[in-house]
PDB file of N, CA and C in Angstrom:
ATOM      1  N   MET A   1      19.219  20.445 -16.753  1.00  0.00           N
ATOM      2  CA  MET A   1      19.544  19.117 -16.276  1.00  0.00           C
ATOM      3  C   MET A   1      18.407  18.569 -15.404  1.00  0.00           C
ATOM      4  N   ILE A   2      17.939  19.367 -14.459  1.00  0.00           N
ATOM      5  CA  ILE A   2      16.854  18.923 -13.575  1.00  0.00           C
ATOM      6  C   ILE A   2      15.555  18.801 -14.371  1.00  0.00           C
ATOM      7  N   VAL A   3      15.403  19.656 -15.369  1.00  0.00           N
ATOM      8  CA  VAL A   3      14.166  19.630 -16.160  1.00  0.00           C
ATOM      9  C   VAL A   3      14.022  18.289 -16.873  1.00  0.00           C
ATOM     10  N   LEU A   4      15.118  17.725 -17.345  1.00  0.00           N
ATOM     11  CA  LEU A   4      15.053  16.438 -18.034  1.00  0.00           C
ATOM     12  C   LEU A   4      14.652  15.309 -17.080  1.00  0.00           C
ATOM     13  N   GLN A   5      15.077  15.403 -15.823  1.00  0.00           N
ATOM     14  CA  GLN A   5      14.663  14.387 -14.851  1.00  0.00           C
ATOM     15  C   GLN A   5      13.164  14.464 -14.594  1.00  0.00           C
ATOM     16  N   TYR A   6      12.657  15.665 -14.476  1.00  0.00           N
ATOM     17  CA  TYR A   6      11.215  15.827 -14.275  1.00  0.00           C
ATOM     18  C   TYR A   6      10.434  15.459 -15.538  1.00  0.00           C
ATOM     19  N   LEU A   7      11.038  15.687 -16.699  1.00  0.00           N
ATOM     20  CA  LEU A   7      10.378  15.337 -17.950  1.00  0.00           C
ATOM     21  C   LEU A   7      10.176  13.829 -18.056  1.00  0.00           C
ATOM     22  N   ALA A   8      11.202  13.060 -17.723  1.00  0.00           N
ATOM     23  CA  ALA A   8      11.080  11.595 -17.765  1.00  0.00           C
ATOM     24  C   ALA A   8      10.029  11.105 -16.772  1.00  0.00           C
ATOM     25  N   ALA A   9      10.037  11.661 -15.569  1.00  0.00           N
ATOM     26  CA  ALA A   9       9.040  11.269 -14.572  1.00  0.00           C
ATOM     27  C   ALA A   9       7.645  11.711 -15.008  1.00  0.00           C
ATOM     28  N   GLY A  10       7.541  12.857 -15.638  1.00  0.00           N
ATOM     29  CA  GLY A  10       6.248  13.335 -16.114  1.00  0.00           C
ATOM     30  C   GLY A  10       5.683  12.463 -17.219  1.00  0.00           C
ATOM     31  N   VAL A  11       6.546  12.042 -18.132  1.00  0.00           N
ATOM     32  CA  VAL A  11       6.092  11.158 -19.212  1.00  0.00           C
ATOM     33  C   VAL A  11       5.648   9.820 -18.645  1.00  0.00           C
ATOM     34  N   CYS A  12       6.402   9.271 -17.702  1.00  0.00           N
ATOM     35  CA  CYS A  12       5.989   8.001 -17.080  1.00  0.00           C
ATOM     36  C   CYS A  12       4.702   8.170 -16.284  1.00  0.00           C
ATOM     37  N   GLY A  13       4.544   9.305 -15.621  1.00  0.00           N
ATOM     38  CA  GLY A  13       3.307   9.573 -14.894  1.00  0.00           C
ATOM     39  C   GLY A  13       2.114   9.691 -15.820  1.00  0.00           C
ATOM     40  N   LEU A  14       2.322  10.334 -16.956  1.00  0.00           N
ATOM     41  CA  LEU A  14       1.253  10.442 -17.947  1.00  0.00           C
ATOM     42  C   LEU A  14       0.875   9.067 -18.499  1.00  0.00           C
ATOM     43  N   CYS A  15       1.862   8.245 -18.782  1.00  0.00           N
ATOM     44  CA  CYS A  15       1.582   6.885 -19.259  1.00  0.00           C
ATOM     45  C   CYS A  15       0.879   6.057 -18.186  1.00  0.00           C
ATOM     46  N   ALA A  16       1.255   6.257 -16.914  1.00  0.00           N
ATOM     47  CA  ALA A  16       0.580   5.554 -15.819  1.00  0.00           C
ATOM     48  C   ALA A  16      -0.873   5.995 -15.705  1.00  0.00           C
ATOM     49  N   THR A  17      -1.129   7.262 -15.931  1.00  0.00           N
ATOM     50  CA  THR A  17      -2.506   7.761 -15.900  1.00  0.00           C
ATOM     51  C   THR A  17      -3.335   7.155 -17.025  1.00  0.00           C
ATOM     52  N   ILE A  18      -2.760   7.063 -18.198  1.00  0.00           N
ATOM     53  CA  ILE A  18      -3.462   6.449 -19.336  1.00  0.00           C
ATOM     54  C   ILE A  18      -3.726   4.974 -19.060  1.00  0.00           C
ATOM     55  N   ALA A  19      -2.735   4.286 -18.469  1.00  0.00           N
ATOM     56  CA  ALA A  19      -2.933   2.876 -18.135  1.00  0.00           C
ATOM     57  C   ALA A  19      -4.017   2.704 -17.074  1.00  0.00           C
ATOM     58  N   ALA A  20      -4.082   3.615 -16.100  1.00  0.00           N
ATOM     59  CA  ALA A  20      -5.121   3.535 -15.072  1.00  0.00           C
ATOM     60  C   ALA A  20      -6.498   3.760 -15.671  1.00  0.00           C
ATOM     61  N   LEU A  21      -6.597   4.717 -16.577  1.00  0.00           N
ATOM     62  CA  LEU A  21      -7.873   4.958 -17.252  1.00  0.00           C
ATOM     63  C   LEU A  21      -8.280   3.754 -18.099  1.00  0.00           C
ATOM     64  N   THR A  22      -7.326   3.162 -18.791  1.00  0.00           N
ATOM     65  CA  THR A  22      -7.602   1.957 -19.575  1.00  0.00           C
ATOM     66  C   THR A  22      -8.056   0.813 -18.682  1.00  0.00           C
ATOM     67  N   PHE A  23      -7.405   0.675 -17.517  1.00  0.00           N
ATOM     68  CA  PHE A  23      -7.822  -0.364 -16.578  1.00  0.00           C
ATOM     69  C   PHE A  23      -9.245  -0.136 -16.100  1.00  0.00           C
ATOM     70  N   ALA A  24      -9.566   1.100 -15.735  1.00  0.00           N
ATOM     71  CA  ALA A  24     -10.912   1.382 -15.237  1.00  0.00           C
ATOM     72  C   ALA A  24     -11.965   1.087 -16.301  1.00  0.00           C
ATOM     73  N   LEU A  25     -11.714   1.527 -17.518  1.00  0.00           N
ATOM     74  CA  LEU A  25     -12.688   1.298 -18.582  1.00  0.00           C
ATOM     75  C   LEU A  25     -12.811  -0.183 -18.943  1.00  0.00           C
ATOM     76  N   SER A  26     -11.688  -0.894 -18.997  1.00  0.00           N
ATOM     77  CA  SER A  26     -11.765  -2.310 -19.360  1.00  0.00           C
ATOM     78  C   SER A  26     -12.371  -3.138 -18.230  1.00  0.00           C
ATOM     79  N   PHE A  27     -12.150  -2.739 -16.971  1.00  0.00           N
ATOM     80  CA  PHE A  27     -12.756  -3.475 -15.869  1.00  0.00           C
ATOM     81  C   PHE A  27     -14.265  -3.281 -15.860  1.00  0.00           C
ATOM     82  N   VAL A  28     -14.705  -2.059 -16.109  1.00  0.00           N
ATOM     83  CA  VAL A  28     -16.154  -1.809 -16.161  1.00  0.00           C
ATOM     84  C   VAL A  28     -16.782  -2.569 -17.318  1.00  0.00           C
ATOM     85  N   SER A  29     -16.126  -2.571 -18.478  1.00  0.00           N
ATOM     86  CA  SER A  29     -16.693  -3.312 -19.610  1.00  0.00           C
ATOM     87  C   SER A  29     -16.671  -4.812 -19.335  1.00  0.00           C
ATOM     88  N   TRP A  30     -15.637  -5.314 -18.613  1.00  0.00           N
ATOM     89  CA  TRP A  30     -15.596  -6.724 -18.252  1.00  0.00           C
ATOM     90  C   TRP A  30     -16.721  -7.061 -17.276  1.00  0.00           C
ATOM     91  N   ALA A  31     -16.966  -6.165 -16.317  1.00  0.00           N
ATOM     92  CA  ALA A  31     -18.013  -6.414 -15.324  1.00  0.00           C
ATOM     93  C   ALA A  31     -19.408  -6.367 -15.945  1.00  0.00           C
ATOM     94  N   LEU A  32     -19.591  -5.563 -16.987  1.00  0.00           N
ATOM     95  CA  LEU A  32     -20.905  -5.452 -17.616  1.00  0.00           C
ATOM     96  C   LEU A  32     -21.167  -6.546 -18.643  1.00  0.00           C
ATOM     97  N   CYS A  33     -20.132  -7.301 -19.018  1.00  0.00           N
ATOM     98  CA  CYS A  33     -20.319  -8.384 -19.988  1.00  0.00           C
ATOM     99  C   CYS A  33     -21.119  -9.517 -19.352  1.00  0.00           C
ATOM    100  N   GLU A  34     -21.839 -10.226 -20.175  1.00  0.00           N
ATOM    101  CA  GLU A  34     -22.490 -11.428 -19.665  1.00  0.00           C
ATOM    102  C   GLU A  34     -21.412 -12.488 -19.430  1.00  0.00           C
ATOM    103  N   PRO A  35     -21.662 -13.465 -18.558  1.00  0.00           N
ATOM    104  CA  PRO A  35     -20.613 -14.427 -18.204  1.00  0.00           C
ATOM    105  C   PRO A  35     -20.018 -15.182 -19.393  1.00  0.00           C
ATOM    106  N   ALA A  36     -20.790 -15.469 -20.416  1.00  0.00           N
ATOM    107  CA  ALA A  36     -20.232 -16.187 -21.570  1.00  0.00           C
ATOM    108  C   ALA A  36     -19.236 -15.315 -22.334  1.00  0.00           C
ATOM    109  N   ALA A  37     -19.452 -14.011 -22.363  1.00  0.00           N
ATOM    110  CA  ALA A  37     -18.546 -13.104 -23.072  1.00  0.00           C
ATOM    111  C   ALA A  37     -17.264 -12.855 -22.289  1.00  0.00           C
ATOM    112  N   ARG A  38     -17.266 -13.137 -21.001  1.00  0.00           N
ATOM    113  CA  ARG A  38     -16.062 -12.952 -20.193  1.00  0.00           C
ATOM    114  C   ARG A  38     -15.004 -14.005 -20.482  1.00  0.00           C
ATOM    115  N   ARG A  39     -15.391 -15.098 -21.128  1.00  0.00           N
ATOM    116  CA  ARG A  39     -14.445 -16.177 -21.390  1.00  0.00           C
ATOM    117  C   ARG A  39     -14.049 -16.279 -22.854  1.00  0.00           C
ATOM    118  N   GLY A  40     -14.573 -15.455 -23.706  1.00  0.00           N
ATOM    119  CA  GLY A  40     -14.301 -15.535 -25.137  1.00  0.00           C
ATOM    120  C   GLY A  40     -12.946 -14.970 -25.506  1.00  0.00           C
ATOM    121  N   PRO A  41     -12.558 -15.149 -26.757  1.00  0.00           N
ATOM    122  CA  PRO A  41     -11.247 -14.655 -27.185  1.00  0.00           C
ATOM    123  C   PRO A  41     -11.178 -13.129 -27.288  1.00  0.00           C
ATOM    124  N   PHE A  42     -12.310 -12.458 -27.383  1.00  0.00           N
ATOM    125  CA  PHE A  42     -12.319 -11.002 -27.511  1.00  0.00           C
ATOM    126  C   PHE A  42     -12.760 -10.321 -26.226  1.00  0.00           C
ATOM    127  N   ARG A  43     -12.574 -10.981 -25.097  1.00  0.00           N
ATOM    128  CA  ARG A  43     -13.001 -10.434 -23.812  1.00  0.00           C
ATOM    129  C   ARG A  43     -12.073  -9.279 -23.406  1.00  0.00           C
ATOM    130  N   PRO A  44     -12.590  -8.342 -22.614  1.00  0.00           N
ATOM    131  CA  PRO A  44     -11.729  -7.296 -22.072  1.00  0.00           C
ATOM    132  C   PRO A  44     -10.731  -7.905 -21.092  1.00  0.00           C
ATOM    133  N   ARG A  45      -9.517  -7.398 -21.099  1.00  0.00           N
ATOM    134  CA  ARG A  45      -8.480  -7.929 -20.214  1.00  0.00           C
ATOM    135  C   ARG A  45      -7.971  -6.818 -19.287  1.00  0.00           C
ATOM    136  N   PRO A  46      -8.631  -6.623 -18.148  1.00  0.00           N
ATOM    137  CA  PRO A  46      -8.205  -5.537 -17.263  1.00  0.00           C
ATOM    138  C   PRO A  46      -6.888  -5.819 -16.551  1.00  0.00           C
ATOM    139  N   GLY A  47      -6.489  -7.063 -16.437  1.00  0.00           N
ATOM    140  CA  GLY A  47      -5.246  -7.393 -15.726  1.00  0.00           C
ATOM    141  C   GLY A  47      -4.012  -6.833 -16.400  1.00  0.00           C
ATOM    142  N   LEU A  48      -4.004  -6.803 -17.713  1.00  0.00           N
ATOM    143  CA  LEU A  48      -2.863  -6.263 -18.453  1.00  0.00           C
ATOM    144  C   LEU A  48      -2.707  -4.764 -18.201  1.00  0.00           C
ATOM    145  N   ALA A  49      -3.794  -4.032 -18.193  1.00  0.00           N
ATOM    146  CA  ALA A  49      -3.735  -2.595 -17.916  1.00  0.00           C
ATOM    147  C   ALA A  49      -3.346  -2.333 -16.465  1.00  0.00           C
ATOM    148  N   LEU A  50      -3.790  -3.184 -15.545  1.00  0.00           N
ATOM    149  CA  LEU A  50      -3.408  -3.029 -14.147  1.00  0.00           C
ATOM    150  C   LEU A  50      -1.913  -3.269 -13.961  1.00  0.00           C
ATOM    151  N   ALA A  51      -1.371  -4.262 -14.655  1.00  0.00           N
ATOM    152  CA  ALA A  51       0.069  -4.517 -14.585  1.00  0.00           C
ATOM    153  C   ALA A  51       0.864  -3.358 -15.173  1.00  0.00           C
ATOM    154  N   ALA A  52       0.392  -2.803 -16.278  1.00  0.00           N
ATOM    155  CA  ALA A  52       1.074  -1.646 -16.875  1.00  0.00           C
ATOM    156  C   ALA A  52       1.029  -0.450 -15.935  1.00  0.00           C
ATOM    157  N   PHE A  53      -0.101  -0.211 -15.291  1.00  0.00           N
ATOM    158  CA  PHE A  53      -0.204   0.884 -14.336  1.00  0.00           C
ATOM    159  C   PHE A  53       0.759   0.689 -13.170  1.00  0.00           C
ATOM    160  N   THR A  54       0.847  -0.525 -12.654  1.00  0.00           N
ATOM    161  CA  THR A  54       1.720  -0.795 -11.523  1.00  0.00           C
ATOM    162  C   THR A  54       3.180  -0.540 -11.877  1.00  0.00           C
ATOM    163  N   VAL A  55       3.599  -1.038 -13.027  1.00  0.00           N
ATOM    164  CA  VAL A  55       4.991  -0.863 -13.453  1.00  0.00           C
ATOM    165  C   VAL A  55       5.289   0.611 -13.729  1.00  0.00           C
ATOM    166  N   LEU A  56       4.399   1.292 -14.423  1.00  0.00           N
ATOM    167  CA  LEU A  56       4.649   2.695 -14.767  1.00  0.00           C
ATOM    168  C   LEU A  56       4.610   3.611 -13.548  1.00  0.00           C
ATOM    169  N   SER A  57       3.738   3.337 -12.605  1.00  0.00           N
ATOM    170  CA  SER A  57       3.716   4.177 -11.408  1.00  0.00           C
ATOM    171  C   SER A  57       4.956   3.936 -10.548  1.00  0.00           C
ATOM    172  N   ALA A  58       5.441   2.693 -10.490  1.00  0.00           N
ATOM    173  CA  ALA A  58       6.681   2.423  -9.765  1.00  0.00           C
ATOM    174  C   ALA A  58       7.870   3.091 -10.469  1.00  0.00           C
ATOM    175  N   LEU A  59       7.875   3.077 -11.792  1.00  0.00           N
ATOM    176  CA  LEU A  59       8.933   3.734 -12.544  1.00  0.00           C
ATOM    177  C   LEU A  59       8.881   5.253 -12.352  1.00  0.00           C
ATOM    178  N   THR A  60       7.697   5.815 -12.278  1.00  0.00           N
ATOM    179  CA  THR A  60       7.560   7.253 -12.024  1.00  0.00           C
ATOM    180  C   THR A  60       8.126   7.609 -10.659  1.00  0.00           C
ATOM    181  N   TYR A  61       7.804   6.798  -9.673  1.00  0.00           N
ATOM    182  CA  TYR A  61       8.313   7.040  -8.327  1.00  0.00           C
ATOM    183  C   TYR A  61       9.840   6.923  -8.290  1.00  0.00           C
ATOM    184  N   THR A  62      10.384   5.985  -9.044  1.00  0.00           N
ATOM    185  CA  THR A  62      11.829   5.797  -9.082  1.00  0.00           C
ATOM    186  C   THR A  62      12.530   6.960  -9.785  1.00  0.00           C
ATOM    187  N   LEU A  63      11.931   7.510 -10.831  1.00  0.00           N
ATOM    188  CA  LEU A  63      12.562   8.572 -11.601  1.00  0.00           C
ATOM    189  C   LEU A  63      12.455   9.950 -10.967  1.00  0.00           C
ATOM    190  N   MET A  64      11.597  10.118  -9.990  1.00  0.00           N
ATOM    191  CA  MET A  64      11.483  11.440  -9.370  1.00  0.00           C
ATOM    192  C   MET A  64      12.777  11.777  -8.636  1.00  0.00           C
ATOM    193  N   PRO A  65      13.295  13.001  -8.862  1.00  0.00           N
ATOM    194  CA  PRO A  65      14.567  13.360  -8.208  1.00  0.00           C
ATOM    195  C   PRO A  65      14.391  13.641  -6.727  1.00  0.00           C
TER     196      PRO A  65
END
């Protein structure tokens, strides 16, 4: 029973880690782009990964027993 609670928190923590890594990589690629490429339709979007990290880390904290 307790193992399942830790499993859910572990999965959310793993997803939060992946989202944080995605945010770091997309922010660096956004920062290295020239200014014209930052406004195009195929620009890196670090805000979406940051929002996913925030939600998943809050969910991990909530699910911890």
